N, C-alpha and C. Protein backbone atom coordinates (compact mmCIF):
# COMPACT_ATOMS: atom_id res chain seq x y z
N MET A 1 53.84 -66.55 2.10
CA MET A 1 53.34 -65.51 2.94
C MET A 1 53.02 -64.25 2.10
N PRO A 2 51.80 -63.74 2.42
CA PRO A 2 51.39 -62.57 1.64
C PRO A 2 52.30 -61.43 1.86
N ASN A 3 52.36 -60.60 0.98
CA ASN A 3 53.08 -59.36 1.09
C ASN A 3 52.53 -58.41 2.13
N LEU A 4 53.29 -58.14 3.12
CA LEU A 4 52.79 -57.29 4.19
C LEU A 4 52.33 -55.88 3.80
N ASN A 5 53.05 -55.34 2.84
CA ASN A 5 52.72 -53.96 2.38
C ASN A 5 51.31 -54.07 1.67
N LYS A 6 51.08 -55.09 0.91
CA LYS A 6 49.83 -55.24 0.17
C LYS A 6 48.70 -55.43 1.18
N VAL A 7 48.84 -56.14 2.18
CA VAL A 7 47.81 -56.46 3.20
C VAL A 7 47.54 -55.16 3.94
N ILE A 8 48.49 -54.46 4.35
CA ILE A 8 48.23 -53.15 5.08
C ILE A 8 47.62 -52.15 4.10
N GLY A 9 48.02 -52.08 2.96
CA GLY A 9 47.43 -51.07 1.94
C GLY A 9 45.95 -51.42 1.74
N GLU A 10 45.61 -52.71 1.66
CA GLU A 10 44.24 -53.07 1.45
C GLU A 10 43.31 -52.79 2.70
N GLU A 11 43.96 -52.98 3.94
CA GLU A 11 43.27 -52.66 5.08
C GLU A 11 43.02 -51.20 5.24
N ILE A 12 44.05 -50.46 4.84
CA ILE A 12 43.93 -48.89 4.90
C ILE A 12 42.83 -48.51 4.00
N ARG A 13 42.82 -49.06 2.78
CA ARG A 13 41.77 -48.66 1.74
C ARG A 13 40.43 -49.07 2.25
N ARG A 14 40.35 -50.23 2.89
CA ARG A 14 38.97 -50.70 3.47
C ARG A 14 38.48 -49.72 4.50
N LEU A 15 39.31 -49.33 5.42
CA LEU A 15 39.01 -48.40 6.44
C LEU A 15 38.68 -46.99 5.90
N ALA A 16 39.40 -46.52 4.90
CA ALA A 16 39.19 -45.30 4.42
C ALA A 16 37.87 -45.28 3.71
N ARG A 17 37.52 -46.34 2.95
CA ARG A 17 36.24 -46.42 2.29
C ARG A 17 35.07 -46.43 3.42
N LYS A 18 35.34 -47.07 4.48
CA LYS A 18 34.33 -47.07 5.52
C LYS A 18 34.11 -45.76 6.15
N GLU A 19 35.11 -44.94 6.32
CA GLU A 19 35.05 -43.66 6.92
C GLU A 19 34.40 -42.64 5.81
N VAL A 20 34.72 -42.88 4.57
CA VAL A 20 34.22 -41.98 3.53
C VAL A 20 32.63 -42.28 3.40
N ARG A 21 32.28 -43.52 3.53
CA ARG A 21 30.92 -43.89 3.45
C ARG A 21 30.10 -43.18 4.60
N ALA A 22 30.67 -43.28 5.74
CA ALA A 22 30.04 -42.63 6.94
C ALA A 22 29.88 -41.13 6.77
N GLU A 23 30.86 -40.54 6.27
CA GLU A 23 30.84 -39.03 6.04
C GLU A 23 29.81 -38.74 4.89
N LEU A 24 29.95 -39.58 3.84
CA LEU A 24 29.02 -39.33 2.81
C LEU A 24 27.59 -39.47 3.18
N ALA A 25 27.28 -40.45 4.05
CA ALA A 25 25.92 -40.72 4.52
C ALA A 25 25.30 -39.42 5.29
N SER A 26 26.15 -38.85 6.05
CA SER A 26 25.65 -37.69 6.78
C SER A 26 25.52 -36.52 5.84
N THR A 27 26.39 -36.33 4.91
CA THR A 27 26.28 -35.31 3.94
C THR A 27 25.08 -35.51 3.03
N GLN A 28 24.84 -36.72 2.59
CA GLN A 28 23.66 -37.07 1.71
C GLN A 28 22.37 -36.75 2.49
N LYS A 29 22.41 -37.10 3.84
CA LYS A 29 21.21 -36.89 4.63
C LYS A 29 20.95 -35.34 4.71
N GLY A 30 21.98 -34.61 4.90
CA GLY A 30 21.87 -33.11 4.98
C GLY A 30 21.36 -32.63 3.59
N LEU A 31 21.81 -33.10 2.50
CA LEU A 31 21.43 -32.70 1.22
C LEU A 31 19.93 -33.05 0.92
N ARG A 32 19.48 -34.27 1.43
CA ARG A 32 18.09 -34.58 1.25
C ARG A 32 17.12 -33.59 2.03
N ASP A 33 17.64 -33.28 3.32
CA ASP A 33 16.88 -32.32 4.03
C ASP A 33 16.83 -30.95 3.37
N ALA A 34 17.95 -30.48 2.86
CA ALA A 34 18.00 -29.22 2.12
C ALA A 34 17.05 -29.17 0.94
N ARG A 35 17.09 -30.36 0.17
CA ARG A 35 16.21 -30.43 -0.98
C ARG A 35 14.67 -30.37 -0.62
N ARG A 36 14.39 -31.04 0.56
CA ARG A 36 13.01 -30.94 1.02
C ARG A 36 12.59 -29.55 1.42
N GLN A 37 13.54 -28.85 2.02
CA GLN A 37 13.29 -27.52 2.42
C GLN A 37 13.07 -26.56 1.14
N ILE A 38 13.96 -26.74 0.23
CA ILE A 38 13.89 -26.03 -1.02
C ILE A 38 12.48 -26.29 -1.68
N THR A 39 12.15 -27.49 -1.76
CA THR A 39 10.76 -27.82 -2.39
C THR A 39 9.68 -27.18 -1.63
N SER A 40 9.66 -27.13 -0.35
CA SER A 40 8.71 -26.52 0.46
C SER A 40 8.74 -25.13 0.27
N LEU A 41 9.87 -24.49 0.31
CA LEU A 41 9.99 -22.94 -0.02
C LEU A 41 9.45 -22.67 -1.37
N ARG A 42 9.72 -23.40 -2.32
CA ARG A 42 9.18 -23.15 -3.72
C ARG A 42 7.71 -23.21 -3.70
N LYS A 43 7.08 -24.18 -3.09
CA LYS A 43 5.66 -24.26 -2.97
C LYS A 43 5.08 -23.03 -2.30
N GLN A 44 5.69 -22.63 -1.15
CA GLN A 44 5.21 -21.34 -0.47
C GLN A 44 5.30 -20.17 -1.49
N VAL A 45 6.41 -20.06 -2.21
CA VAL A 45 6.60 -18.85 -3.02
C VAL A 45 5.49 -18.90 -4.20
N GLN A 46 5.17 -20.13 -4.70
CA GLN A 46 4.18 -20.17 -5.81
C GLN A 46 2.76 -19.74 -5.26
N GLU A 47 2.54 -20.27 -4.02
CA GLU A 47 1.24 -19.92 -3.36
C GLU A 47 1.10 -18.37 -3.15
N GLN A 48 2.28 -17.87 -2.68
CA GLN A 48 2.18 -16.36 -2.40
C GLN A 48 2.11 -15.63 -3.74
N GLN A 49 2.79 -16.06 -4.77
CA GLN A 49 2.63 -15.37 -6.05
C GLN A 49 1.21 -15.53 -6.50
N ARG A 50 0.54 -16.62 -6.35
CA ARG A 50 -0.83 -16.73 -6.73
C ARG A 50 -1.73 -15.80 -5.93
N ASP A 51 -1.41 -15.74 -4.65
CA ASP A 51 -2.13 -14.77 -3.80
C ASP A 51 -2.01 -13.37 -4.21
N ILE A 52 -0.68 -12.96 -4.56
CA ILE A 52 -0.47 -11.57 -5.05
C ILE A 52 -1.15 -11.28 -6.23
N LYS A 53 -1.24 -12.24 -7.25
CA LYS A 53 -1.96 -12.03 -8.51
C LYS A 53 -3.38 -11.86 -8.22
N ALA A 54 -3.90 -12.67 -7.36
CA ALA A 54 -5.40 -12.59 -7.08
C ALA A 54 -5.69 -11.17 -6.40
N LEU A 55 -4.82 -10.84 -5.41
CA LEU A 55 -5.05 -9.60 -4.77
C LEU A 55 -4.90 -8.37 -5.72
N THR A 56 -3.92 -8.48 -6.69
CA THR A 56 -3.81 -7.47 -7.64
C THR A 56 -4.99 -7.33 -8.56
N ARG A 57 -5.51 -8.41 -8.87
CA ARG A 57 -6.73 -8.39 -9.79
C ARG A 57 -7.84 -7.83 -9.03
N GLN A 58 -7.96 -8.16 -7.79
CA GLN A 58 -9.06 -7.72 -6.94
C GLN A 58 -8.91 -6.16 -6.67
N LEU A 59 -7.63 -5.77 -6.44
CA LEU A 59 -7.43 -4.26 -6.34
C LEU A 59 -7.68 -3.48 -7.59
N LYS A 60 -7.34 -4.03 -8.74
CA LYS A 60 -7.67 -3.37 -9.94
C LYS A 60 -9.18 -3.29 -10.21
N ARG A 61 -9.90 -4.41 -9.85
CA ARG A 61 -11.33 -4.35 -10.08
C ARG A 61 -12.00 -3.32 -9.06
N SER A 62 -11.49 -3.29 -7.88
CA SER A 62 -12.11 -2.32 -6.96
C SER A 62 -11.75 -0.87 -7.32
N SER A 63 -10.53 -0.67 -7.76
CA SER A 63 -10.14 0.75 -8.13
C SER A 63 -10.89 1.12 -9.43
N ALA A 64 -11.13 0.18 -10.29
CA ALA A 64 -11.92 0.41 -11.51
C ALA A 64 -13.36 0.74 -11.17
N ALA A 65 -13.87 0.09 -10.22
CA ALA A 65 -15.25 0.27 -9.77
C ALA A 65 -15.30 1.65 -9.05
N THR A 66 -14.29 1.99 -8.31
CA THR A 66 -14.30 3.29 -7.61
C THR A 66 -14.23 4.42 -8.61
N GLN A 67 -13.35 4.24 -9.65
CA GLN A 67 -13.21 5.23 -10.65
C GLN A 67 -14.51 5.39 -11.52
N SER A 68 -15.06 4.21 -11.79
CA SER A 68 -16.39 4.32 -12.53
C SER A 68 -17.48 5.03 -11.68
N ASP A 69 -17.47 4.75 -10.30
CA ASP A 69 -18.45 5.40 -9.45
C ASP A 69 -18.20 6.93 -9.50
N GLU A 70 -16.81 7.33 -9.40
CA GLU A 70 -16.55 8.72 -9.44
C GLU A 70 -16.81 9.35 -10.83
N ALA A 71 -16.63 8.52 -11.86
CA ALA A 71 -16.94 9.08 -13.19
C ALA A 71 -18.38 9.17 -13.37
N ASP A 72 -19.25 8.34 -12.76
CA ASP A 72 -20.67 8.36 -12.79
C ASP A 72 -21.18 9.63 -12.05
N THR A 73 -20.51 10.07 -11.02
CA THR A 73 -20.85 11.15 -10.21
C THR A 73 -20.47 12.40 -11.02
N PRO A 74 -21.42 13.32 -11.29
CA PRO A 74 -21.15 14.48 -12.06
C PRO A 74 -20.14 15.42 -11.22
N ARG A 75 -19.43 16.16 -11.95
CA ARG A 75 -18.48 17.07 -11.44
C ARG A 75 -19.34 18.24 -10.86
N PRO A 76 -19.07 18.66 -9.58
CA PRO A 76 -19.84 19.67 -8.94
C PRO A 76 -19.61 20.98 -9.76
N ARG A 77 -20.69 21.73 -9.83
CA ARG A 77 -20.56 23.02 -10.53
C ARG A 77 -19.85 24.06 -9.55
N PHE A 78 -19.16 25.01 -10.22
CA PHE A 78 -18.41 25.94 -9.44
C PHE A 78 -18.62 27.31 -9.90
N SER A 79 -18.71 28.26 -8.95
CA SER A 79 -18.89 29.59 -9.31
C SER A 79 -18.14 30.50 -8.18
N ALA A 80 -17.37 31.40 -8.59
CA ALA A 80 -16.66 32.26 -7.71
C ALA A 80 -17.65 32.98 -6.72
N ASP A 81 -18.80 33.35 -7.28
CA ASP A 81 -19.75 34.17 -6.43
C ASP A 81 -20.35 33.15 -5.39
N TRP A 82 -20.57 31.92 -5.72
CA TRP A 82 -21.03 30.96 -4.74
C TRP A 82 -20.12 30.83 -3.55
N VAL A 83 -18.77 30.82 -3.82
CA VAL A 83 -17.78 30.70 -2.78
C VAL A 83 -17.98 31.86 -1.79
N ALA A 84 -17.97 33.07 -2.38
CA ALA A 84 -17.97 34.36 -1.56
C ALA A 84 -19.33 34.33 -0.85
N LYS A 85 -20.41 34.09 -1.51
CA LYS A 85 -21.76 34.13 -0.81
C LYS A 85 -21.82 33.10 0.36
N HIS A 86 -21.41 31.93 0.10
CA HIS A 86 -21.41 30.82 1.10
C HIS A 86 -20.57 31.23 2.30
N ARG A 87 -19.47 31.75 2.03
CA ARG A 87 -18.47 32.08 3.17
C ARG A 87 -19.10 33.18 4.04
N GLU A 88 -19.69 34.28 3.26
CA GLU A 88 -20.37 35.34 3.99
C GLU A 88 -21.62 34.80 4.83
N LYS A 89 -22.35 33.86 4.19
CA LYS A 89 -23.53 33.30 4.83
C LYS A 89 -23.11 32.54 6.18
N LEU A 90 -21.95 31.87 6.11
CA LEU A 90 -21.48 31.20 7.33
C LEU A 90 -20.81 32.14 8.30
N GLY A 91 -20.43 33.38 7.86
CA GLY A 91 -19.79 34.39 8.71
C GLY A 91 -18.33 33.97 9.06
N LEU A 92 -17.64 33.39 8.11
CA LEU A 92 -16.28 32.81 8.39
C LEU A 92 -15.24 33.72 7.58
N SER A 93 -14.09 33.65 8.14
CA SER A 93 -13.03 34.32 7.49
C SER A 93 -12.45 33.38 6.38
N ALA A 94 -11.68 33.91 5.46
CA ALA A 94 -11.11 33.03 4.47
C ALA A 94 -10.24 31.95 5.05
N ALA A 95 -9.59 32.30 6.07
CA ALA A 95 -8.69 31.26 6.81
C ALA A 95 -9.52 30.14 7.34
N ASP A 96 -10.68 30.48 7.98
CA ASP A 96 -11.53 29.45 8.60
C ASP A 96 -12.18 28.54 7.44
N TYR A 97 -12.64 29.34 6.52
CA TYR A 97 -13.34 28.55 5.29
C TYR A 97 -12.29 27.69 4.55
N GLY A 98 -11.08 28.22 4.48
CA GLY A 98 -10.02 27.38 3.91
C GLY A 98 -9.67 26.14 4.70
N ARG A 99 -9.75 26.28 6.05
CA ARG A 99 -9.49 25.07 6.87
C ARG A 99 -10.59 24.03 6.67
N LEU A 100 -11.86 24.48 6.48
CA LEU A 100 -12.99 23.56 6.19
C LEU A 100 -12.75 22.86 4.84
N VAL A 101 -12.28 23.51 3.90
CA VAL A 101 -12.17 22.94 2.59
C VAL A 101 -10.76 22.39 2.40
N GLU A 102 -9.81 22.49 3.41
CA GLU A 102 -8.45 22.02 3.42
C GLU A 102 -7.64 22.64 2.28
N VAL A 103 -7.81 23.87 2.22
CA VAL A 103 -6.93 24.69 1.25
C VAL A 103 -6.47 25.98 2.02
N SER A 104 -5.51 26.64 1.42
CA SER A 104 -5.08 27.92 2.11
C SER A 104 -6.07 29.02 1.95
N PRO A 105 -5.91 29.96 2.79
CA PRO A 105 -6.82 31.23 2.73
C PRO A 105 -6.61 31.94 1.39
N LEU A 106 -5.40 32.01 0.87
CA LEU A 106 -5.11 32.66 -0.38
C LEU A 106 -5.85 31.92 -1.55
N THR A 107 -5.90 30.56 -1.47
CA THR A 107 -6.67 29.89 -2.41
C THR A 107 -8.17 30.28 -2.44
N ILE A 108 -8.71 30.36 -1.26
CA ILE A 108 -10.20 30.85 -1.18
C ILE A 108 -10.29 32.18 -1.71
N TYR A 109 -9.39 33.10 -1.42
CA TYR A 109 -9.42 34.42 -1.95
C TYR A 109 -9.35 34.39 -3.45
N ASN A 110 -8.41 33.61 -4.02
CA ASN A 110 -8.47 33.58 -5.50
C ASN A 110 -9.61 32.90 -6.14
N TRP A 111 -10.24 31.97 -5.50
CA TRP A 111 -11.48 31.41 -5.95
C TRP A 111 -12.65 32.43 -6.01
N GLU A 112 -12.74 33.19 -4.94
CA GLU A 112 -13.72 34.23 -4.82
C GLU A 112 -13.52 35.28 -5.92
N LYS A 113 -12.31 35.65 -6.20
CA LYS A 113 -11.95 36.59 -7.19
C LYS A 113 -12.08 36.20 -8.59
N GLY A 114 -12.19 34.82 -8.81
CA GLY A 114 -12.19 34.20 -10.10
C GLY A 114 -10.79 34.14 -10.68
N ALA A 115 -9.73 34.34 -9.91
CA ALA A 115 -8.43 34.22 -10.34
C ALA A 115 -8.03 32.80 -10.62
N SER A 116 -8.68 31.88 -10.00
CA SER A 116 -8.31 30.43 -10.13
C SER A 116 -9.63 29.67 -9.89
N THR A 117 -9.54 28.33 -10.35
CA THR A 117 -10.66 27.50 -10.05
C THR A 117 -10.13 26.25 -9.41
N PRO A 118 -10.89 25.61 -8.61
CA PRO A 118 -10.33 24.45 -7.91
C PRO A 118 -10.13 23.16 -8.77
N ARG A 119 -9.13 22.44 -8.40
CA ARG A 119 -8.93 21.12 -9.06
C ARG A 119 -9.99 20.15 -8.61
N GLU A 120 -9.89 18.89 -9.07
CA GLU A 120 -10.91 17.85 -8.81
C GLU A 120 -11.19 17.66 -7.30
N GLU A 121 -10.13 17.34 -6.57
CA GLU A 121 -10.37 16.97 -5.18
C GLU A 121 -10.75 18.08 -4.25
N PRO A 122 -10.11 19.28 -4.40
CA PRO A 122 -10.59 20.43 -3.63
C PRO A 122 -12.01 20.88 -4.04
N LEU A 123 -12.32 20.62 -5.30
CA LEU A 123 -13.71 21.05 -5.75
C LEU A 123 -14.67 20.10 -5.00
N ARG A 124 -14.40 18.77 -4.89
CA ARG A 124 -15.34 17.88 -4.23
C ARG A 124 -15.49 18.24 -2.77
N ARG A 125 -14.28 18.63 -2.08
CA ARG A 125 -14.33 19.04 -0.67
C ARG A 125 -15.19 20.35 -0.55
N TRP A 126 -15.00 21.16 -1.47
CA TRP A 126 -15.75 22.38 -1.39
C TRP A 126 -17.28 22.21 -1.49
N ALA A 127 -17.64 21.23 -2.45
CA ALA A 127 -19.04 20.85 -2.57
C ALA A 127 -19.60 20.36 -1.32
N ARG A 128 -18.83 19.51 -0.59
CA ARG A 128 -19.32 18.99 0.72
C ARG A 128 -19.51 20.10 1.76
N VAL A 129 -18.55 21.07 1.72
CA VAL A 129 -18.59 22.23 2.67
C VAL A 129 -19.67 23.09 2.29
N ARG A 130 -20.04 23.25 1.09
CA ARG A 130 -21.18 24.12 0.55
C ARG A 130 -22.50 23.67 1.08
N GLN A 131 -22.61 22.40 1.46
CA GLN A 131 -23.89 21.80 1.93
C GLN A 131 -24.04 22.06 3.47
N LEU A 132 -22.96 22.57 4.09
CA LEU A 132 -22.99 22.82 5.56
C LEU A 132 -23.75 24.08 5.89
N GLY A 133 -24.47 23.98 7.07
CA GLY A 133 -25.00 25.21 7.57
C GLY A 133 -24.01 25.89 8.56
N LYS A 134 -24.36 27.01 9.17
CA LYS A 134 -23.42 27.74 10.01
C LYS A 134 -23.07 26.99 11.21
N ARG A 135 -24.16 26.40 11.95
CA ARG A 135 -23.79 25.56 13.14
C ARG A 135 -22.84 24.44 12.88
N GLU A 136 -23.17 23.75 11.80
CA GLU A 136 -22.21 22.51 11.53
C GLU A 136 -20.86 22.94 11.13
N ALA A 137 -20.71 24.04 10.40
CA ALA A 137 -19.40 24.57 10.11
C ALA A 137 -18.56 24.94 11.36
N LEU A 138 -19.29 25.76 12.20
CA LEU A 138 -18.67 26.14 13.48
C LEU A 138 -18.36 24.92 14.36
N ARG A 139 -19.12 23.87 14.33
CA ARG A 139 -18.91 22.69 15.13
C ARG A 139 -17.66 22.00 14.50
N LEU A 140 -17.62 21.87 13.19
CA LEU A 140 -16.36 21.28 12.65
C LEU A 140 -15.10 22.05 12.92
N LEU A 141 -15.28 23.33 12.85
CA LEU A 141 -14.00 24.12 13.21
C LEU A 141 -13.59 23.94 14.64
N GLU A 142 -14.48 23.93 15.56
CA GLU A 142 -14.14 23.63 16.95
C GLU A 142 -13.53 22.23 17.01
N GLU A 143 -13.99 21.27 16.40
CA GLU A 143 -13.48 19.93 16.41
C GLU A 143 -11.98 19.96 15.95
N MET A 144 -11.66 20.71 14.84
CA MET A 144 -10.42 20.92 14.34
C MET A 144 -9.45 21.54 15.23
N ASP A 145 -9.94 22.46 16.02
CA ASP A 145 -9.19 23.23 17.02
C ASP A 145 -8.81 22.31 18.17
N GLU A 146 -9.70 21.38 18.57
CA GLU A 146 -9.43 20.47 19.55
C GLU A 146 -8.33 19.50 19.22
N GLU A 147 -8.20 19.16 18.04
CA GLU A 147 -7.18 18.07 17.57
C GLU A 147 -5.86 18.72 17.47
C-alpha cells in the first residue's frame, strides 16, 4: 500500500500547481494588456514629438519671415518737432495723443521736448498715428472711451 503521506503531498502539490497556473494566467493576461497599452502610448508620444518638432520648425520659419519683413521695413524717421506739430494739428492734449500712441502723456511731452526718443514699437505706433487726420483721431479716441 502506498504511503498515505506521499499520496496526500502529491495531491496537494498538484492542486497548488493548478491554482498557481490559474492565477499566473490572469496575471500574464494583465501584463500583456499593459504591454500593449505601453506600446500604444509610446507610439502616441513619438507622433506628438514629431508634431512638436514640425510645429517648432514652422514657428521658427514664420517668426524668421516676420523678422525679415520687419527688417526690410525701414525704421520710421522721428523728429521732436513732428510730434508737437502733429499733436497741435489734431488739436489734442498730450494725454489724448498718448492714448492714441499707447504711451503716457509724460512720454509725449518728453518726445516733444527732445528729452527722449521712442523705442522701436512705440515708434511704429507713432508712425501709424502720424498718418491719421483729425476726424480719424477723434473717432479712435471715442471708440477707446466706449470700451
